[in-house]
mmCIF file of all heavy atoms, coordinates in Angstrom:
data_MODEL
# 
_entry.id   MODEL 
# 
loop_
_atom_site.group_PDB 
_atom_site.id 
_atom_site.type_symbol 
_atom_site.label_atom_id 
_atom_site.label_alt_id 
_atom_site.label_comp_id 
_atom_site.label_asym_id 
_atom_site.label_entity_id 
_atom_site.label_seq_id 
_atom_site.pdbx_PDB_ins_code 
_atom_site.Cartn_x 
_atom_site.Cartn_y 
_atom_site.Cartn_z 
_atom_site.occupancy 
_atom_site.B_iso_or_equiv 
_atom_site.pdbx_formal_charge 
_atom_site.auth_seq_id 
_atom_site.auth_comp_id 
_atom_site.auth_asym_id 
_atom_site.auth_atom_id 
_atom_site.pdbx_PDB_model_num 
ATOM 1   N N   . PRO A 1 1  ? 85.806 102.318 77.735 1.00 0.00 ? 1  PRO A N   1 
ATOM 2   C CA  . PRO A 1 1  ? 85.651 101.132 78.591 1.00 0.00 ? 1  PRO A CA  1 
ATOM 3   C C   . PRO A 1 1  ? 84.919 101.427 79.903 1.00 0.00 ? 1  PRO A C   1 
ATOM 4   O O   . PRO A 1 1  ? 84.124 100.604 80.368 1.00 0.00 ? 1  PRO A O   1 
ATOM 5   C CB  . PRO A 1 1  ? 87.093 100.692 78.841 1.00 0.00 ? 1  PRO A CB  1 
ATOM 6   C CG  . PRO A 1 1  ? 87.871 101.244 77.694 1.00 0.00 ? 1  PRO A CG  1 
ATOM 7   C CD  . PRO A 1 1  ? 87.221 102.555 77.384 1.00 0.00 ? 1  PRO A CD  1 
ATOM 8   N N   . VAL A 1 2  ? 85.197 102.595 80.492 1.00 0.00 ? 2  VAL A N   1 
ATOM 9   C CA  . VAL A 1 2  ? 84.511 102.971 81.732 1.00 0.00 ? 2  VAL A CA  1 
ATOM 10  C C   . VAL A 1 2  ? 83.026 103.206 81.460 1.00 0.00 ? 2  VAL A C   1 
ATOM 11  O O   . VAL A 1 2  ? 82.155 102.787 82.231 1.00 0.00 ? 2  VAL A O   1 
ATOM 12  C CB  . VAL A 1 2  ? 85.152 104.230 82.348 1.00 0.00 ? 2  VAL A CB  1 
ATOM 13  C CG1 . VAL A 1 2  ? 84.466 104.593 83.660 1.00 0.00 ? 2  VAL A CG1 1 
ATOM 14  C CG2 . VAL A 1 2  ? 86.642 104.022 82.563 1.00 0.00 ? 2  VAL A CG2 1 
ATOM 15  N N   . ALA A 1 3  ? 82.731 103.882 80.336 1.00 0.00 ? 3  ALA A N   1 
ATOM 16  C CA  . ALA A 1 3  ? 81.338 104.142 79.971 1.00 0.00 ? 3  ALA A CA  1 
ATOM 17  C C   . ALA A 1 3  ? 80.585 102.846 79.720 1.00 0.00 ? 3  ALA A C   1 
ATOM 18  O O   . ALA A 1 3  ? 79.441 102.677 80.175 1.00 0.00 ? 3  ALA A O   1 
ATOM 19  C CB  . ALA A 1 3  ? 81.287 105.034 78.734 1.00 0.00 ? 3  ALA A CB  1 
ATOM 20  N N   . VAL A 1 4  ? 81.212 101.916 79.022 1.00 0.00 ? 4  VAL A N   1 
ATOM 21  C CA  . VAL A 1 4  ? 80.553 100.641 78.713 1.00 0.00 ? 4  VAL A CA  1 
ATOM 22  C C   . VAL A 1 4  ? 80.240 99.873  79.991 1.00 0.00 ? 4  VAL A C   1 
ATOM 23  O O   . VAL A 1 4  ? 79.128 99.353  80.169 1.00 0.00 ? 4  VAL A O   1 
ATOM 24  C CB  . VAL A 1 4  ? 81.433 99.798  77.770 1.00 0.00 ? 4  VAL A CB  1 
ATOM 25  C CG1 . VAL A 1 4  ? 80.883 98.380  77.641 1.00 0.00 ? 4  VAL A CG1 1 
ATOM 26  C CG2 . VAL A 1 4  ? 81.514 100.446 76.387 1.00 0.00 ? 4  VAL A CG2 1 
ATOM 27  N N   . LYS A 1 5  ? 81.209 99.790  80.900 1.00 0.00 ? 5  LYS A N   1 
ATOM 28  C CA  . LYS A 1 5  ? 80.990 99.057  82.149 1.00 0.00 ? 5  LYS A CA  1 
ATOM 29  C C   . LYS A 1 5  ? 79.813 99.624  82.930 1.00 0.00 ? 5  LYS A C   1 
ATOM 30  O O   . LYS A 1 5  ? 79.026 98.881  83.528 1.00 0.00 ? 5  LYS A O   1 
ATOM 31  C CB  . LYS A 1 5  ? 82.249 99.099  83.019 1.00 0.00 ? 5  LYS A CB  1 
ATOM 32  C CG  . LYS A 1 5  ? 82.045 98.454  84.399 1.00 0.00 ? 5  LYS A CG  1 
ATOM 33  C CD  . LYS A 1 5  ? 83.281 98.581  85.255 1.00 0.00 ? 5  LYS A CD  1 
ATOM 34  C CE  . LYS A 1 5  ? 83.030 98.051  86.671 1.00 0.00 ? 5  LYS A CE  1 
ATOM 35  N NZ  . LYS A 1 5  ? 82.766 96.602  86.702 1.00 0.00 ? 5  LYS A NZ  1 
ATOM 36  N N   . HIS A 1 6  ? 79.679 100.957 82.921 1.00 0.00 ? 6  HIS A N   1 
ATOM 37  C CA  . HIS A 1 6  ? 78.665 101.617 83.740 1.00 0.00 ? 6  HIS A CA  1 
ATOM 38  C C   . HIS A 1 6  ? 77.415 102.005 82.939 1.00 0.00 ? 6  HIS A C   1 
ATOM 39  O O   . HIS A 1 6  ? 76.593 102.798 83.407 1.00 0.00 ? 6  HIS A O   1 
ATOM 40  C CB  . HIS A 1 6  ? 79.272 102.846 84.426 1.00 0.00 ? 6  HIS A CB  1 
ATOM 41  C CG  . HIS A 1 6  ? 80.382 102.514 85.363 1.00 0.00 ? 6  HIS A CG  1 
ATOM 42  N ND1 . HIS A 1 6  ? 81.707 102.531 84.984 1.00 0.00 ? 6  HIS A ND1 1 
ATOM 43  C CD2 . HIS A 1 6  ? 80.377 102.128 86.666 1.00 0.00 ? 6  HIS A CD2 1 
ATOM 44  C CE1 . HIS A 1 6  ? 82.469 102.190 86.019 1.00 0.00 ? 6  HIS A CE1 1 
ATOM 45  N NE2 . HIS A 1 6  ? 81.681 101.944 87.046 1.00 0.00 ? 6  HIS A NE2 1 
ATOM 46  N N   . ARG A 1 7  ? 77.318 101.471 81.732 1.00 0.00 ? 7  ARG A N   1 
ATOM 47  C CA  . ARG A 1 7  ? 76.146 101.683 80.872 1.00 0.00 ? 7  ARG A CA  1 
ATOM 48  C C   . ARG A 1 7  ? 75.887 103.174 80.629 1.00 0.00 ? 7  ARG A C   1 
ATOM 49  O O   . ARG A 1 7  ? 74.760 103.650 80.692 1.00 0.00 ? 7  ARG A O   1 
ATOM 50  C CB  . ARG A 1 7  ? 74.904 101.009 81.480 1.00 0.00 ? 7  ARG A CB  1 
ATOM 51  C CG  . ARG A 1 7  ? 75.090 99.524  81.734 1.00 0.00 ? 7  ARG A CG  1 
ATOM 52  C CD  . ARG A 1 7  ? 73.829 98.858  82.252 1.00 0.00 ? 7  ARG A CD  1 
ATOM 53  N NE  . ARG A 1 7  ? 73.352 99.472  83.483 1.00 0.00 ? 7  ARG A NE  1 
ATOM 54  C CZ  . ARG A 1 7  ? 73.819 99.169  84.685 1.00 0.00 ? 7  ARG A CZ  1 
ATOM 55  N NH1 . ARG A 1 7  ? 74.804 98.281  84.818 1.00 0.00 ? 7  ARG A NH1 1 
ATOM 56  N NH2 . ARG A 1 7  ? 73.333 99.746  85.761 1.00 0.00 ? 7  ARG A NH2 1 
ATOM 57  N N   . LEU A 1 8  ? 76.978 103.904 80.340 1.00 0.00 ? 8  LEU A N   1 
ATOM 58  C CA  . LEU A 1 8  ? 76.885 105.329 80.056 1.00 0.00 ? 8  LEU A CA  1 
ATOM 59  C C   . LEU A 1 8  ? 77.079 105.571 78.568 1.00 0.00 ? 8  LEU A C   1 
ATOM 60  O O   . LEU A 1 8  ? 77.742 104.782 77.884 1.00 0.00 ? 8  LEU A O   1 
ATOM 61  C CB  . LEU A 1 8  ? 77.941 106.095 80.854 1.00 0.00 ? 8  LEU A CB  1 
ATOM 62  C CG  . LEU A 1 8  ? 77.924 105.909 82.370 1.00 0.00 ? 8  LEU A CG  1 
ATOM 63  C CD1 . LEU A 1 8  ? 79.095 106.658 82.999 1.00 0.00 ? 8  LEU A CD1 1 
ATOM 64  C CD2 . LEU A 1 8  ? 76.601 106.354 82.973 1.00 0.00 ? 8  LEU A CD2 1 
ATOM 65  N N   . ASN A 1 9  ? 76.546 106.654 78.091 1.00 0.00 ? 9  ASN A N   1 
ATOM 66  C CA  . ASN A 1 9  ? 76.644 107.010 76.676 1.00 0.00 ? 9  ASN A CA  1 
ATOM 67  C C   . ASN A 1 9  ? 77.819 107.953 76.469 1.00 0.00 ? 9  ASN A C   1 
ATOM 68  O O   . ASN A 1 9  ? 77.779 109.103 76.905 1.00 0.00 ? 9  ASN A O   1 
ATOM 69  C CB  . ASN A 1 9  ? 75.341 107.665 76.214 1.00 0.00 ? 9  ASN A CB  1 
ATOM 70  C CG  . ASN A 1 9  ? 75.310 107.907 74.711 1.00 0.00 ? 9  ASN A CG  1 
ATOM 71  O OD1 . ASN A 1 9  ? 76.330 107.810 74.029 1.00 0.00 ? 9  ASN A OD1 1 
ATOM 72  N ND2 . ASN A 1 9  ? 74.137 108.223 74.191 1.00 0.00 ? 9  ASN A ND2 1 
ATOM 73  N N   . ASP A 1 10 ? 78.873 107.472 75.773 1.00 0.00 ? 10 ASP A N   1 
ATOM 74  C CA  . ASP A 1 10 ? 80.043 108.327 75.606 1.00 0.00 ? 10 ASP A CA  1 
ATOM 75  C C   . ASP A 1 10 ? 79.817 109.457 74.605 1.00 0.00 ? 10 ASP A C   1 
ATOM 76  O O   . ASP A 1 10 ? 80.699 110.283 74.391 1.00 0.00 ? 10 ASP A O   1 
ATOM 77  C CB  . ASP A 1 10 ? 81.274 107.516 75.227 1.00 0.00 ? 10 ASP A CB  1 
ATOM 78  C CG  . ASP A 1 10 ? 81.152 106.826 73.880 1.00 0.00 ? 10 ASP A CG  1 
ATOM 79  O OD1 . ASP A 1 10 ? 80.078 106.911 73.254 1.00 0.00 ? 10 ASP A OD1 1 
ATOM 80  O OD2 . ASP A 1 10 ? 82.140 106.213 73.435 1.00 0.00 ? 10 ASP A OD2 1 
ATOM 81  N N   . GLU A 1 11 ? 78.631 109.506 74.011 1.00 0.00 ? 11 GLU A N   1 
ATOM 82  C CA  . GLU A 1 11 ? 78.291 110.652 73.159 1.00 0.00 ? 11 GLU A CA  1 
ATOM 83  C C   . GLU A 1 11 ? 78.131 111.919 74.000 1.00 0.00 ? 11 GLU A C   1 
ATOM 84  O O   . GLU A 1 11 ? 78.151 113.028 73.466 1.00 0.00 ? 11 GLU A O   1 
ATOM 85  C CB  . GLU A 1 11 ? 77.005 110.375 72.374 1.00 0.00 ? 11 GLU A CB  1 
ATOM 86  C CG  . GLU A 1 11 ? 77.148 109.288 71.320 1.00 0.00 ? 11 GLU A CG  1 
ATOM 87  C CD  . GLU A 1 11 ? 78.202 109.633 70.272 1.00 0.00 ? 11 GLU A CD  1 
ATOM 88  O OE1 . GLU A 1 11 ? 78.233 110.804 69.821 1.00 0.00 ? 11 GLU A OE1 1 
ATOM 89  O OE2 . GLU A 1 11 ? 79.008 108.749 69.928 1.00 0.00 ? 11 GLU A OE2 1 
ATOM 90  N N   . TYR A 1 12 ? 77.962 111.743 75.319 1.00 0.00 ? 12 TYR A N   1 
ATOM 91  C CA  . TYR A 1 12 ? 77.817 112.893 76.213 1.00 0.00 ? 12 TYR A CA  1 
ATOM 92  C C   . TYR A 1 12 ? 79.166 113.357 76.764 1.00 0.00 ? 12 TYR A C   1 
ATOM 93  O O   . TYR A 1 12 ? 79.217 114.015 77.805 1.00 0.00 ? 12 TYR A O   1 
ATOM 94  C CB  . TYR A 1 12 ? 76.873 112.555 77.365 1.00 0.00 ? 12 TYR A CB  1 
ATOM 95  C CG  . TYR A 1 12 ? 75.442 112.381 76.919 1.00 0.00 ? 12 TYR A CG  1 
ATOM 96  C CD1 . TYR A 1 12 ? 74.850 111.126 76.906 1.00 0.00 ? 12 TYR A CD1 1 
ATOM 97  C CD2 . TYR A 1 12 ? 74.685 113.469 76.491 1.00 0.00 ? 12 TYR A CD2 1 
ATOM 98  C CE1 . TYR A 1 12 ? 73.535 110.955 76.485 1.00 0.00 ? 12 TYR A CE1 1 
ATOM 99  C CE2 . TYR A 1 12 ? 73.373 113.311 76.064 1.00 0.00 ? 12 TYR A CE2 1 
ATOM 100 C CZ  . TYR A 1 12 ? 72.811 112.055 76.060 1.00 0.00 ? 12 TYR A CZ  1 
ATOM 101 O OH  . TYR A 1 12 ? 71.512 111.887 75.644 1.00 0.00 ? 12 TYR A OH  1 
ATOM 102 N N   . LEU A 1 13 ? 80.245 113.024 76.077 1.00 0.00 ? 13 LEU A N   1 
ATOM 103 C CA  . LEU A 1 13 ? 81.562 113.496 76.465 1.00 0.00 ? 13 LEU A CA  1 
ATOM 104 C C   . LEU A 1 13 ? 81.734 114.926 75.959 1.00 0.00 ? 13 LEU A C   1 
ATOM 105 O O   . LEU A 1 13 ? 81.707 115.184 74.757 1.00 0.00 ? 13 LEU A O   1 
ATOM 106 C CB  . LEU A 1 13 ? 82.643 112.592 75.868 1.00 0.00 ? 13 LEU A CB  1 
ATOM 107 C CG  . LEU A 1 13 ? 84.073 112.867 76.319 1.00 0.00 ? 13 LEU A CG  1 
ATOM 108 C CD1 . LEU A 1 13 ? 84.254 112.516 77.797 1.00 0.00 ? 13 LEU A CD1 1 
ATOM 109 C CD2 . LEU A 1 13 ? 85.072 112.078 75.464 1.00 0.00 ? 13 LEU A CD2 1 
ATOM 110 N N   . ASP A 1 14 ? 81.899 115.854 76.896 1.00 0.00 ? 14 ASP A N   1 
ATOM 111 C CA  . ASP A 1 14 ? 82.062 117.265 76.557 1.00 0.00 ? 14 ASP A CA  1 
ATOM 112 C C   . ASP A 1 14 ? 83.524 117.671 76.689 1.00 0.00 ? 14 ASP A C   1 
ATOM 113 O O   . ASP A 1 14 ? 84.216 117.253 77.625 1.00 0.00 ? 14 ASP A O   1 
ATOM 114 C CB  . ASP A 1 14 ? 81.212 118.148 77.476 1.00 0.00 ? 14 ASP A CB  1 
ATOM 115 C CG  . ASP A 1 14 ? 79.763 118.223 77.036 1.00 0.00 ? 14 ASP A CG  1 
ATOM 116 O OD1 . ASP A 1 14 ? 79.423 117.596 76.012 1.00 0.00 ? 14 ASP A OD1 1 
ATOM 117 O OD2 . ASP A 1 14 ? 78.971 118.888 77.724 1.00 0.00 ? 14 ASP A OD2 1 
ATOM 118 N N   . PHE A 1 15 ? 83.978 118.498 75.757 1.00 0.00 ? 15 PHE A N   1 
ATOM 119 C CA  . PHE A 1 15 ? 85.371 118.947 75.755 1.00 0.00 ? 15 PHE A CA  1 
ATOM 120 C C   . PHE A 1 15 ? 85.461 120.386 76.254 1.00 0.00 ? 15 PHE A C   1 
ATOM 121 O O   . PHE A 1 15 ? 84.621 121.222 75.937 1.00 0.00 ? 15 PHE A O   1 
ATOM 122 C CB  . PHE A 1 15 ? 85.960 118.836 74.344 1.00 0.00 ? 15 PHE A CB  1 
ATOM 123 C CG  . PHE A 1 15 ? 86.102 117.413 73.884 1.00 0.00 ? 15 PHE A CG  1 
ATOM 124 C CD1 . PHE A 1 15 ? 85.070 116.777 73.210 1.00 0.00 ? 15 PHE A CD1 1 
ATOM 125 C CD2 . PHE A 1 15 ? 87.260 116.701 74.149 1.00 0.00 ? 15 PHE A CD2 1 
ATOM 126 C CE1 . PHE A 1 15 ? 85.192 115.457 72.808 1.00 0.00 ? 15 PHE A CE1 1 
ATOM 127 C CE2 . PHE A 1 15 ? 87.399 115.383 73.748 1.00 0.00 ? 15 PHE A CE2 1 
ATOM 128 C CZ  . PHE A 1 15 ? 86.360 114.756 73.073 1.00 0.00 ? 15 PHE A CZ  1 
ATOM 129 N N   . PHE A 1 16 ? 86.502 120.633 77.027 1.00 0.00 ? 16 PHE A N   1 
ATOM 130 C CA  . PHE A 1 16 ? 86.741 121.952 77.598 1.00 0.00 ? 16 PHE A CA  1 
ATOM 131 C C   . PHE A 1 16 ? 88.126 122.412 77.158 1.00 0.00 ? 16 PHE A C   1 
ATOM 132 O O   . PHE A 1 16 ? 89.126 121.764 77.461 1.00 0.00 ? 16 PHE A O   1 
ATOM 133 C CB  . PHE A 1 16 ? 86.642 121.898 79.131 1.00 0.00 ? 16 PHE A CB  1 
ATOM 134 C CG  . PHE A 1 16 ? 85.282 121.467 79.614 1.00 0.00 ? 16 PHE A CG  1 
ATOM 135 C CD1 . PHE A 1 16 ? 84.974 120.118 79.726 1.00 0.00 ? 16 PHE A CD1 1 
ATOM 136 C CD2 . PHE A 1 16 ? 84.314 122.404 79.925 1.00 0.00 ? 16 PHE A CD2 1 
ATOM 137 C CE1 . PHE A 1 16 ? 83.717 119.712 80.168 1.00 0.00 ? 16 PHE A CE1 1 
ATOM 138 C CE2 . PHE A 1 16 ? 83.055 122.008 80.368 1.00 0.00 ? 16 PHE A CE2 1 
ATOM 139 C CZ  . PHE A 1 16 ? 82.754 120.661 80.485 1.00 0.00 ? 16 PHE A CZ  1 
ATOM 140 N N   . GLY A 1 17 ? 88.171 123.521 76.442 1.00 0.00 ? 17 GLY A N   1 
ATOM 141 C CA  . GLY A 1 17 ? 89.423 123.963 75.867 1.00 0.00 ? 17 GLY A CA  1 
ATOM 142 C C   . GLY A 1 17 ? 89.779 123.136 74.645 1.00 0.00 ? 17 GLY A C   1 
ATOM 143 O O   . GLY A 1 17 ? 89.012 122.279 74.191 1.00 0.00 ? 17 GLY A O   1 
ATOM 144 N N   . ASP A 1 18 ? 90.943 123.374 74.117 1.00 0.00 ? 18 ASP A N   1 
ATOM 145 C CA  . ASP A 1 18 ? 91.416 122.665 72.929 1.00 0.00 ? 18 ASP A CA  1 
ATOM 146 C C   . ASP A 1 18 ? 92.085 121.362 73.354 1.00 0.00 ? 18 ASP A C   1 
ATOM 147 O O   . ASP A 1 18 ? 93.121 121.382 74.026 1.00 0.00 ? 18 ASP A O   1 
ATOM 148 C CB  . ASP A 1 18 ? 92.421 123.551 72.184 1.00 0.00 ? 18 ASP A CB  1 
ATOM 149 C CG  . ASP A 1 18 ? 92.956 122.892 70.915 1.00 0.00 ? 18 ASP A CG  1 
ATOM 150 O OD1 . ASP A 1 18 ? 92.558 121.748 70.619 1.00 0.00 ? 18 ASP A OD1 1 
ATOM 151 O OD2 . ASP A 1 18 ? 93.763 123.537 70.224 1.00 0.00 ? 18 ASP A OD2 1 
ATOM 152 N N   . PRO A 1 19 ? 91.518 120.203 72.994 1.00 0.00 ? 19 PRO A N   1 
ATOM 153 C CA  . PRO A 1 19 ? 92.121 118.924 73.406 1.00 0.00 ? 19 PRO A CA  1 
ATOM 154 C C   . PRO A 1 19 ? 93.567 118.770 72.971 1.00 0.00 ? 19 PRO A C   1 
ATOM 155 O O   . PRO A 1 19 ? 94.344 118.065 73.628 1.00 0.00 ? 19 PRO A O   1 
ATOM 156 C CB  . PRO A 1 19 ? 91.222 117.879 72.730 1.00 0.00 ? 19 PRO A CB  1 
ATOM 157 C CG  . PRO A 1 19 ? 89.935 118.567 72.480 1.00 0.00 ? 19 PRO A CG  1 
ATOM 158 C CD  . PRO A 1 19 ? 90.287 120.005 72.210 1.00 0.00 ? 19 PRO A CD  1 
ATOM 159 N N   . GLU A 1 20 ? 93.942 119.426 71.870 1.00 0.00 ? 20 GLU A N   1 
ATOM 160 C CA  . GLU A 1 20 ? 95.317 119.309 71.384 1.00 0.00 ? 20 GLU A CA  1 
ATOM 161 C C   . GLU A 1 20 ? 96.292 120.159 72.179 1.00 0.00 ? 20 GLU A C   1 
ATOM 162 O O   . GLU A 1 20 ? 97.509 119.973 72.091 1.00 0.00 ? 20 GLU A O   1 
ATOM 163 C CB  . GLU A 1 20 ? 95.386 119.728 69.903 1.00 0.00 ? 20 GLU A CB  1 
ATOM 164 C CG  . GLU A 1 20 ? 94.520 118.918 68.967 1.00 0.00 ? 20 GLU A CG  1 
ATOM 165 C CD  . GLU A 1 20 ? 94.977 117.474 68.839 1.00 0.00 ? 20 GLU A CD  1 
ATOM 166 O OE1 . GLU A 1 20 ? 96.175 117.210 69.111 1.00 0.00 ? 20 GLU A OE1 1 
ATOM 167 O OE2 . GLU A 1 20 ? 94.158 116.612 68.482 1.00 0.00 ? 20 GLU A OE2 1 
ATOM 168 N N   . ASN A 1 21 ? 95.772 121.083 72.975 1.00 0.00 ? 21 ASN A N   1 
ATOM 169 C CA  . ASN A 1 21 ? 96.630 122.023 73.708 1.00 0.00 ? 21 ASN A CA  1 
ATOM 170 C C   . ASN A 1 21 ? 96.212 122.142 75.171 1.00 0.00 ? 21 ASN A C   1 
ATOM 171 O O   . ASN A 1 21 ? 95.878 123.225 75.662 1.00 0.00 ? 21 ASN A O   1 
ATOM 172 C CB  . ASN A 1 21 ? 96.600 123.402 73.045 1.00 0.00 ? 21 ASN A CB  1 
ATOM 173 C CG  . ASN A 1 21 ? 97.241 123.395 71.666 1.00 0.00 ? 21 ASN A CG  1 
ATOM 174 O OD1 . ASN A 1 21 ? 98.454 123.284 71.543 1.00 0.00 ? 21 ASN A OD1 1 
ATOM 175 N ND2 . ASN A 1 21 ? 96.413 123.498 70.633 1.00 0.00 ? 21 ASN A ND2 1 
ATOM 176 N N   . GLY A 1 22 ? 96.203 121.025 75.852 1.00 0.00 ? 22 GLY A N   1 
ATOM 177 C CA  . GLY A 1 22 ? 95.933 121.031 77.288 1.00 0.00 ? 22 GLY A CA  1 
ATOM 178 C C   . GLY A 1 22 ? 94.469 120.964 77.669 1.00 0.00 ? 22 GLY A C   1 
ATOM 179 O O   . GLY A 1 22 ? 94.152 121.004 78.860 1.00 0.00 ? 22 GLY A O   1 
ATOM 180 N N   . GLY A 1 23 ? 93.554 120.886 76.695 1.00 0.00 ? 23 GLY A N   1 
ATOM 181 C CA  . GLY A 1 23 ? 92.143 120.755 77.017 1.00 0.00 ? 23 GLY A CA  1 
ATOM 182 C C   . GLY A 1 23 ? 91.837 119.386 77.607 1.00 0.00 ? 23 GLY A C   1 
ATOM 183 O O   . GLY A 1 23 ? 92.667 118.473 77.591 1.00 0.00 ? 23 GLY A O   1 
ATOM 184 N N   . TYR A 1 24 ? 90.627 119.247 78.141 1.00 0.00 ? 24 TYR A N   1 
ATOM 185 C CA  . TYR A 1 24 ? 90.236 117.977 78.760 1.00 0.00 ? 24 TYR A CA  1 
ATOM 186 C C   . TYR A 1 24 ? 88.786 117.681 78.420 1.00 0.00 ? 24 TYR A C   1 
ATOM 187 O O   . TYR A 1 24 ? 88.095 118.490 77.778 1.00 0.00 ? 24 TYR A O   1 
ATOM 188 C CB  . TYR A 1 24 ? 90.439 118.028 80.277 1.00 0.00 ? 24 TYR A CB  1 
ATOM 189 C CG  . TYR A 1 24 ? 89.564 119.045 80.977 1.00 0.00 ? 24 TYR A CG  1 
ATOM 190 C CD1 . TYR A 1 24 ? 88.335 118.697 81.526 1.00 0.00 ? 24 TYR A CD1 1 
ATOM 191 C CD2 . TYR A 1 24 ? 89.978 120.370 81.103 1.00 0.00 ? 24 TYR A CD2 1 
ATOM 192 C CE1 . TYR A 1 24 ? 87.533 119.627 82.162 1.00 0.00 ? 24 TYR A CE1 1 
ATOM 193 C CE2 . TYR A 1 24 ? 89.181 121.317 81.736 1.00 0.00 ? 24 TYR A CE2 1 
ATOM 194 C CZ  . TYR A 1 24 ? 87.966 120.933 82.263 1.00 0.00 ? 24 TYR A CZ  1 
ATOM 195 O OH  . TYR A 1 24 ? 87.172 121.868 82.893 1.00 0.00 ? 24 TYR A OH  1 
ATOM 196 N N   . ALA A 1 25 ? 88.307 116.518 78.858 1.00 0.00 ? 25 ALA A N   1 
ATOM 197 C CA  . ALA A 1 25 ? 86.947 116.111 78.555 1.00 0.00 ? 25 ALA A CA  1 
ATOM 198 C C   . ALA A 1 25 ? 86.294 115.490 79.787 1.00 0.00 ? 25 ALA A C   1 
ATOM 199 O O   . ALA A 1 25 ? 86.966 114.825 80.588 1.00 0.00 ? 25 ALA A O   1 
ATOM 200 C CB  . ALA A 1 25 ? 86.938 115.094 77.407 1.00 0.00 ? 25 ALA A CB  1 
ATOM 201 N N   . SER A 1 26 ? 84.996 115.725 79.951 1.00 0.00 ? 26 SER A N   1 
ATOM 202 C CA  . SER A 1 26 ? 84.226 115.133 81.045 1.00 0.00 ? 26 SER A CA  1 
ATOM 203 C C   . SER A 1 26 ? 82.958 114.510 80.483 1.00 0.00 ? 26 SER A C   1 
ATOM 204 O O   . SER A 1 26 ? 82.318 115.070 79.586 1.00 0.00 ? 26 SER A O   1 
ATOM 205 C CB  . SER A 1 26 ? 83.861 116.179 82.096 1.00 0.00 ? 26 SER A CB  1 
ATOM 206 O OG  . SER A 1 26 ? 84.970 116.519 82.895 1.00 0.00 ? 26 SER A OG  1 
ATOM 207 N N   . LEU A 1 27 ? 82.618 113.361 81.024 1.00 0.00 ? 27 LEU A N   1 
ATOM 208 C CA  . LEU A 1 27 ? 81.413 112.655 80.604 1.00 0.00 ? 27 LEU A CA  1 
ATOM 209 C C   . LEU A 1 27 ? 80.263 113.076 81.507 1.00 0.00 ? 27 LEU A C   1 
ATOM 210 O O   . LEU A 1 27 ? 80.364 113.005 82.729 1.00 0.00 ? 27 LEU A O   1 
ATOM 211 C CB  . LEU A 1 27 ? 81.642 111.144 80.699 1.00 0.00 ? 27 LEU A CB  1 
ATOM 212 C CG  . LEU A 1 27 ? 80.570 110.239 80.111 1.00 0.00 ? 27 LEU A CG  1 
ATOM 213 C CD1 . LEU A 1 27 ? 80.401 110.476 78.617 1.00 0.00 ? 27 LEU A CD1 1 
ATOM 214 C CD2 . LEU A 1 27 ? 80.916 108.777 80.376 1.00 0.00 ? 27 LEU A CD2 1 
# 
């Protein structure tokens, strides 16, 4: 929803660490 509002491509979401075990993601 944030990406859509700001006309950003969520395909550029990068993951850091394992998302299942405390990892996170940044666009």
